[in-house]
Amino acid sequence: MFELFTVGLEMQKRMIDAQMQGVEVARDMMEAAQRQVETGMAAAQANEAGLKAMRKWMTLWGMRG
């Protein structure tokens, strides 16, 4: 009877460990997604700054853009 109880506790422990690994993987995926969003936003800002600089350069040289 005690051995059965021990086996049940061990199974529960393994299930909890597996669930915690799943939670950690999900958290890592969310952090990676957040970094991708931040990188995308930084790239968009850099692109916008590049376009503004090009327009200013074209204006300086009398071109229309």
N, C-alpha and C. Protein backbone atom coordinates (compact mmCIF):
# COMPACT_ATOMS: atom_id res chain seq x y z
N MET A 1 0.82 -1.20 0.00
CA MET A 1 0.00 0.00 0.00
C MET A 1 0.86 1.26 0.00
N PHE A 2 1.90 1.27 0.85
CA PHE A 2 2.79 2.41 0.92
C PHE A 2 3.55 2.59 -0.39
N GLU A 3 3.94 1.46 -1.02
CA GLU A 3 4.66 1.52 -2.30
C GLU A 3 3.77 2.13 -3.37
N LEU A 4 2.49 1.79 -3.36
CA LEU A 4 1.55 2.35 -4.32
C LEU A 4 1.42 3.86 -4.12
N PHE A 5 1.37 4.28 -2.89
CA PHE A 5 1.31 5.70 -2.57
C PHE A 5 2.57 6.42 -3.06
N THR A 6 3.73 5.81 -2.84
CA THR A 6 5.00 6.38 -3.28
C THR A 6 5.05 6.50 -4.80
N VAL A 7 4.57 5.47 -5.49
CA VAL A 7 4.53 5.50 -6.94
C VAL A 7 3.60 6.62 -7.42
N GLY A 8 2.47 6.78 -6.79
CA GLY A 8 1.53 7.85 -7.14
C GLY A 8 2.15 9.23 -6.95
N LEU A 9 2.85 9.42 -5.85
CA LEU A 9 3.52 10.70 -5.60
C LEU A 9 4.60 10.96 -6.63
N GLU A 10 5.35 9.92 -6.98
CA GLU A 10 6.40 10.08 -8.00
C GLU A 10 5.79 10.46 -9.35
N MET A 11 4.67 9.85 -9.70
CA MET A 11 4.00 10.18 -10.96
C MET A 11 3.51 11.63 -10.95
N GLN A 12 2.94 12.06 -9.81
CA GLN A 12 2.50 13.45 -9.70
C GLN A 12 3.68 14.41 -9.83
N LYS A 13 4.79 14.07 -9.20
CA LYS A 13 5.99 14.91 -9.28
C LYS A 13 6.46 15.03 -10.72
N ARG A 14 6.47 13.93 -11.44
CA ARG A 14 6.90 13.97 -12.83
C ARG A 14 5.96 14.80 -13.69
N MET A 15 4.66 14.68 -13.43
CA MET A 15 3.69 15.49 -14.17
C MET A 15 3.88 16.97 -13.90
N ILE A 16 4.11 17.32 -12.65
CA ILE A 16 4.34 18.72 -12.29
C ILE A 16 5.61 19.23 -12.95
N ASP A 17 6.67 18.40 -12.94
CA ASP A 17 7.92 18.79 -13.59
C ASP A 17 7.71 19.02 -15.08
N ALA A 18 6.95 18.15 -15.72
CA ALA A 18 6.68 18.29 -17.16
C ALA A 18 5.88 19.57 -17.42
N GLN A 19 4.89 19.85 -16.57
CA GLN A 19 4.10 21.07 -16.73
C GLN A 19 4.96 22.31 -16.53
N MET A 20 5.87 22.27 -15.57
CA MET A 20 6.75 23.42 -15.33
C MET A 20 7.68 23.64 -16.51
N GLN A 21 8.15 22.57 -17.13
CA GLN A 21 8.99 22.72 -18.31
C GLN A 21 8.18 23.37 -19.44
N GLY A 22 6.93 22.98 -19.57
CA GLY A 22 6.06 23.59 -20.57
C GLY A 22 5.85 25.07 -20.31
N VAL A 23 5.69 25.43 -19.04
CA VAL A 23 5.52 26.83 -18.68
C VAL A 23 6.79 27.61 -19.00
N GLU A 24 7.95 27.03 -18.70
CA GLU A 24 9.22 27.70 -18.99
C GLU A 24 9.41 27.89 -20.49
N VAL A 25 9.05 26.89 -21.28
CA VAL A 25 9.16 27.00 -22.73
C VAL A 25 8.23 28.09 -23.24
N ALA A 26 7.01 28.13 -22.73
CA ALA A 26 6.06 29.17 -23.15
C ALA A 26 6.57 30.55 -22.78
N ARG A 27 7.15 30.69 -21.60
CA ARG A 27 7.70 31.98 -21.17
C ARG A 27 8.86 32.39 -22.08
N ASP A 28 9.73 31.44 -22.40
CA ASP A 28 10.85 31.74 -23.31
C ASP A 28 10.34 32.16 -24.68
N MET A 29 9.29 31.51 -25.16
CA MET A 29 8.72 31.86 -26.46
C MET A 29 8.14 33.27 -26.42
N MET A 30 7.49 33.63 -25.33
CA MET A 30 6.92 34.98 -25.20
C MET A 30 8.03 36.03 -25.15
N GLU A 31 9.11 35.73 -24.45
CA GLU A 31 10.23 36.67 -24.40
C GLU A 31 10.86 36.84 -25.77
N ALA A 32 10.99 35.73 -26.51
CA ALA A 32 11.54 35.81 -27.87
C ALA A 32 10.62 36.62 -28.78
N ALA A 33 9.32 36.42 -28.65
CA ALA A 33 8.37 37.19 -29.46
C ALA A 33 8.46 38.67 -29.11
N GLN A 34 8.61 38.99 -27.84
CA GLN A 34 8.73 40.39 -27.42
C GLN A 34 9.99 41.01 -28.01
N ARG A 35 11.10 40.25 -28.01
CA ARG A 35 12.34 40.75 -28.60
C ARG A 35 12.17 40.98 -30.10
N GLN A 36 11.44 40.10 -30.77
CA GLN A 36 11.20 40.27 -32.20
C GLN A 36 10.39 41.53 -32.47
N VAL A 37 9.39 41.78 -31.63
CA VAL A 37 8.59 43.00 -31.78
C VAL A 37 9.46 44.22 -31.58
N GLU A 38 10.29 44.20 -30.55
CA GLU A 38 11.17 45.34 -30.27
C GLU A 38 12.15 45.55 -31.42
N THR A 39 12.68 44.46 -31.96
CA THR A 39 13.61 44.56 -33.08
C THR A 39 12.90 45.12 -34.31
N GLY A 40 11.69 44.66 -34.55
CA GLY A 40 10.91 45.17 -35.68
C GLY A 40 10.61 46.65 -35.53
N MET A 41 10.28 47.08 -34.33
CA MET A 41 10.00 48.49 -34.10
C MET A 41 11.26 49.33 -34.30
N ALA A 42 12.40 48.83 -33.84
CA ALA A 42 13.66 49.55 -34.02
C ALA A 42 14.01 49.65 -35.50
N ALA A 43 13.78 48.57 -36.25
CA ALA A 43 14.05 48.59 -37.68
C ALA A 43 13.15 49.58 -38.39
N ALA A 44 11.89 49.64 -38.00
CA ALA A 44 10.96 50.59 -38.61
C ALA A 44 11.39 52.02 -38.32
N GLN A 45 11.84 52.28 -37.11
CA GLN A 45 12.31 53.63 -36.76
C GLN A 45 13.56 53.99 -37.56
N ALA A 46 14.46 53.02 -37.71
CA ALA A 46 15.67 53.28 -38.49
C ALA A 46 15.31 53.54 -39.96
N ASN A 47 14.37 52.79 -40.49
CA ASN A 47 13.93 52.99 -41.86
C ASN A 47 13.31 54.37 -42.03
N GLU A 48 12.50 54.77 -41.08
CA GLU A 48 11.86 56.09 -41.14
C GLU A 48 12.91 57.20 -41.08
N ALA A 49 13.89 57.03 -40.22
CA ALA A 49 14.97 58.03 -40.13
C ALA A 49 15.75 58.09 -41.44
N GLY A 50 15.99 56.94 -42.05
CA GLY A 50 16.70 56.91 -43.33
C GLY A 50 15.91 57.61 -44.42
N LEU A 51 14.60 57.40 -44.44
CA LEU A 51 13.76 58.07 -45.44
C LEU A 51 13.76 59.59 -45.23
N LYS A 52 13.70 60.03 -43.99
CA LYS A 52 13.73 61.46 -43.70
C LYS A 52 15.05 62.06 -44.15
N ALA A 53 16.14 61.36 -43.87
CA ALA A 53 17.46 61.86 -44.27
C ALA A 53 17.56 61.94 -45.79
N MET A 54 17.04 60.95 -46.49
CA MET A 54 17.09 60.97 -47.94
C MET A 54 16.26 62.13 -48.49
N ARG A 55 15.09 62.36 -47.92
CA ARG A 55 14.25 63.47 -48.37
C ARG A 55 14.95 64.81 -48.16
N LYS A 56 15.61 64.95 -47.00
CA LYS A 56 16.33 66.20 -46.72
C LYS A 56 17.47 66.39 -47.72
N TRP A 57 18.17 65.31 -48.03
CA TRP A 57 19.27 65.38 -48.99
C TRP A 57 18.73 65.77 -50.37
N MET A 58 17.61 65.18 -50.76
CA MET A 58 17.02 65.49 -52.06
C MET A 58 16.56 66.95 -52.10
N THR A 59 15.99 67.42 -51.00
CA THR A 59 15.57 68.82 -50.91
C THR A 59 16.78 69.74 -51.01
N LEU A 60 17.84 69.38 -50.34
CA LEU A 60 19.07 70.16 -50.37
C LEU A 60 19.60 70.31 -51.79
N TRP A 61 19.49 69.28 -52.59
CA TRP A 61 19.98 69.30 -53.97
C TRP A 61 18.89 69.70 -54.98
N GLY A 62 17.76 70.15 -54.48
CA GLY A 62 16.72 70.68 -55.34
C GLY A 62 15.88 69.62 -56.02
N MET A 63 15.88 68.44 -55.53
CA MET A 63 15.06 67.38 -56.12
C MET A 63 13.74 67.29 -55.36
N ARG A 64 12.76 66.77 -56.02
CA ARG A 64 11.47 66.57 -55.35
C ARG A 64 11.32 65.10 -55.01
N GLY A 65 10.80 64.83 -53.81
CA GLY A 65 10.68 63.44 -53.42
C GLY A 65 9.43 63.09 -52.73
